[in-house]
Amino acid sequence: MDDTAEFGDESYEAAQAELDRLLNDPEVRFDPKRVWALLAALTEHDVPAAPPAAE
């Protein structure tokens, strides 16, 4: 999965599932770089861009 890709509903859910596995499945090797990349991508999807500052 591309860390900078925009998510559709299915890929967003897949990213959430992957993050859940990385954090909670004891048989999956913990990969902090991948966890942070997923968190950043999911947060970018969840948080709308700030409106431009008024001058």
N, C-alpha and C. Protein backbone atom coordinates (compact mmCIF):
# COMPACT_ATOMS: atom_id res chain seq x y z
N MET A 1 0.84 -1.17 0.00
CA MET A 1 0.00 0.00 0.00
C MET A 1 0.89 1.23 0.00
N ASP A 2 0.58 2.20 -0.83
CA ASP A 2 1.33 3.45 -0.91
C ASP A 2 0.95 4.33 0.26
N ASP A 3 1.93 4.80 1.03
CA ASP A 3 1.66 5.59 2.23
C ASP A 3 1.01 6.92 1.93
N THR A 4 1.18 7.44 0.71
CA THR A 4 0.64 8.75 0.39
C THR A 4 -0.66 8.66 -0.40
N ALA A 5 -1.14 7.46 -0.67
CA ALA A 5 -2.34 7.30 -1.48
C ALA A 5 -3.58 7.80 -0.74
N GLU A 6 -4.53 8.32 -1.50
CA GLU A 6 -5.80 8.68 -0.91
C GLU A 6 -6.60 7.40 -0.74
N PHE A 7 -7.43 7.36 0.28
CA PHE A 7 -8.18 6.15 0.59
C PHE A 7 -9.58 6.20 0.02
N GLY A 8 -10.00 5.08 -0.56
CA GLY A 8 -11.41 4.84 -0.79
C GLY A 8 -11.92 4.13 0.44
N ASP A 9 -13.20 3.86 0.52
CA ASP A 9 -13.75 3.22 1.71
C ASP A 9 -13.11 1.88 2.00
N GLU A 10 -12.90 1.06 0.96
CA GLU A 10 -12.33 -0.27 1.16
C GLU A 10 -10.86 -0.20 1.58
N SER A 11 -10.08 0.68 0.95
CA SER A 11 -8.67 0.76 1.30
C SER A 11 -8.49 1.40 2.68
N TYR A 12 -9.38 2.31 3.05
CA TYR A 12 -9.33 2.90 4.39
C TYR A 12 -9.56 1.82 5.44
N GLU A 13 -10.56 1.00 5.21
CA GLU A 13 -10.83 -0.10 6.15
C GLU A 13 -9.68 -1.10 6.17
N ALA A 14 -9.06 -1.35 5.02
CA ALA A 14 -7.91 -2.26 4.96
C ALA A 14 -6.74 -1.68 5.76
N ALA A 15 -6.52 -0.38 5.66
CA ALA A 15 -5.44 0.26 6.41
C ALA A 15 -5.72 0.19 7.91
N GLN A 16 -6.97 0.39 8.30
CA GLN A 16 -7.33 0.26 9.72
C GLN A 16 -7.09 -1.17 10.20
N ALA A 17 -7.45 -2.15 9.39
CA ALA A 17 -7.26 -3.55 9.76
C ALA A 17 -5.77 -3.87 9.87
N GLU A 18 -4.97 -3.36 8.93
CA GLU A 18 -3.52 -3.60 8.99
C GLU A 18 -2.93 -2.98 10.25
N LEU A 19 -3.34 -1.76 10.57
CA LEU A 19 -2.85 -1.10 11.78
C LEU A 19 -3.25 -1.91 13.02
N ASP A 20 -4.48 -2.39 13.04
CA ASP A 20 -4.94 -3.20 14.17
C ASP A 20 -4.08 -4.45 14.32
N ARG A 21 -3.79 -5.12 13.20
CA ARG A 21 -2.93 -6.32 13.25
C ARG A 21 -1.54 -5.98 13.76
N LEU A 22 -0.96 -4.89 13.26
CA LEU A 22 0.39 -4.51 13.68
C LEU A 22 0.46 -4.23 15.18
N LEU A 23 -0.60 -3.65 15.70
CA LEU A 23 -0.59 -3.27 17.12
C LEU A 23 -1.04 -4.39 18.05
N ASN A 24 -1.88 -5.31 17.57
CA ASN A 24 -2.52 -6.25 18.49
C ASN A 24 -2.23 -7.72 18.25
N ASP A 25 -1.72 -8.09 17.10
CA ASP A 25 -1.48 -9.51 16.81
C ASP A 25 -0.07 -9.88 17.26
N PRO A 26 0.06 -10.73 18.27
CA PRO A 26 1.39 -11.07 18.78
C PRO A 26 2.25 -11.85 17.78
N GLU A 27 1.63 -12.40 16.75
CA GLU A 27 2.39 -13.16 15.76
C GLU A 27 2.92 -12.28 14.62
N VAL A 28 2.50 -11.01 14.59
CA VAL A 28 2.96 -10.08 13.56
C VAL A 28 4.10 -9.25 14.13
N ARG A 29 5.22 -9.21 13.39
CA ARG A 29 6.36 -8.43 13.84
C ARG A 29 6.01 -6.95 13.85
N PHE A 30 6.27 -6.27 14.96
CA PHE A 30 5.97 -4.85 15.09
C PHE A 30 6.90 -4.05 14.18
N ASP A 31 6.32 -3.17 13.39
CA ASP A 31 7.07 -2.32 12.46
C ASP A 31 6.70 -0.87 12.73
N PRO A 32 7.47 -0.17 13.59
CA PRO A 32 7.10 1.19 13.98
C PRO A 32 6.99 2.15 12.80
N LYS A 33 7.85 2.00 11.82
CA LYS A 33 7.79 2.90 10.66
C LYS A 33 6.45 2.73 9.92
N ARG A 34 6.01 1.49 9.77
CA ARG A 34 4.74 1.23 9.09
C ARG A 34 3.56 1.72 9.93
N VAL A 35 3.64 1.54 11.25
CA VAL A 35 2.57 2.02 12.13
C VAL A 35 2.41 3.53 11.99
N TRP A 36 3.53 4.27 12.06
CA TRP A 36 3.46 5.73 11.95
C TRP A 36 2.97 6.17 10.57
N ALA A 37 3.38 5.46 9.52
CA ALA A 37 2.93 5.80 8.17
C ALA A 37 1.42 5.59 8.05
N LEU A 38 0.92 4.48 8.58
CA LEU A 38 -0.51 4.23 8.55
C LEU A 38 -1.28 5.27 9.37
N LEU A 39 -0.78 5.58 10.56
CA LEU A 39 -1.44 6.58 11.39
C LEU A 39 -1.49 7.93 10.68
N ALA A 40 -0.40 8.33 10.05
CA ALA A 40 -0.36 9.61 9.34
C ALA A 40 -1.36 9.61 8.18
N ALA A 41 -1.40 8.54 7.42
CA ALA A 41 -2.31 8.46 6.28
C ALA A 41 -3.77 8.43 6.73
N LEU A 42 -4.06 7.67 7.78
CA LEU A 42 -5.43 7.60 8.29
C LEU A 42 -5.87 8.95 8.87
N THR A 43 -4.98 9.61 9.57
CA THR A 43 -5.30 10.92 10.15
C THR A 43 -5.53 11.94 9.05
N GLU A 44 -4.70 11.90 8.02
CA GLU A 44 -4.87 12.83 6.90
C GLU A 44 -6.24 12.64 6.26
N HIS A 45 -6.70 11.40 6.20
CA HIS A 45 -8.01 11.10 5.63
C HIS A 45 -9.12 11.62 6.55
N ASP A 46 -8.95 11.49 7.87
CA ASP A 46 -9.98 11.84 8.84
C ASP A 46 -10.09 13.33 9.10
N VAL A 47 -8.99 14.04 9.03
CA VAL A 47 -8.97 15.45 9.39
C VAL A 47 -9.01 16.29 8.12
N PRO A 48 -10.05 17.10 7.94
CA PRO A 48 -10.11 17.92 6.73
C PRO A 48 -9.01 18.98 6.76
N ALA A 49 -8.62 19.40 5.58
CA ALA A 49 -7.59 20.44 5.47
C ALA A 49 -8.12 21.74 6.08
N ALA A 50 -7.22 22.47 6.70
CA ALA A 50 -7.59 23.75 7.32
C ALA A 50 -7.93 24.76 6.22
N PRO A 51 -8.92 25.61 6.46
CA PRO A 51 -9.24 26.63 5.46
C PRO A 51 -8.09 27.63 5.37
N PRO A 52 -7.95 28.29 4.23
CA PRO A 52 -6.86 29.27 4.09
C PRO A 52 -7.01 30.40 5.10
N ALA A 53 -5.90 30.87 5.60
CA ALA A 53 -5.93 31.96 6.58
C ALA A 53 -6.39 33.26 5.91
N ALA A 54 -7.22 33.99 6.62
CA ALA A 54 -7.70 35.28 6.12
C ALA A 54 -6.59 36.31 6.26
N GLU A 55 -6.46 37.14 5.27
CA GLU A 55 -5.41 38.18 5.34
C GLU A 55 -5.96 39.48 5.82
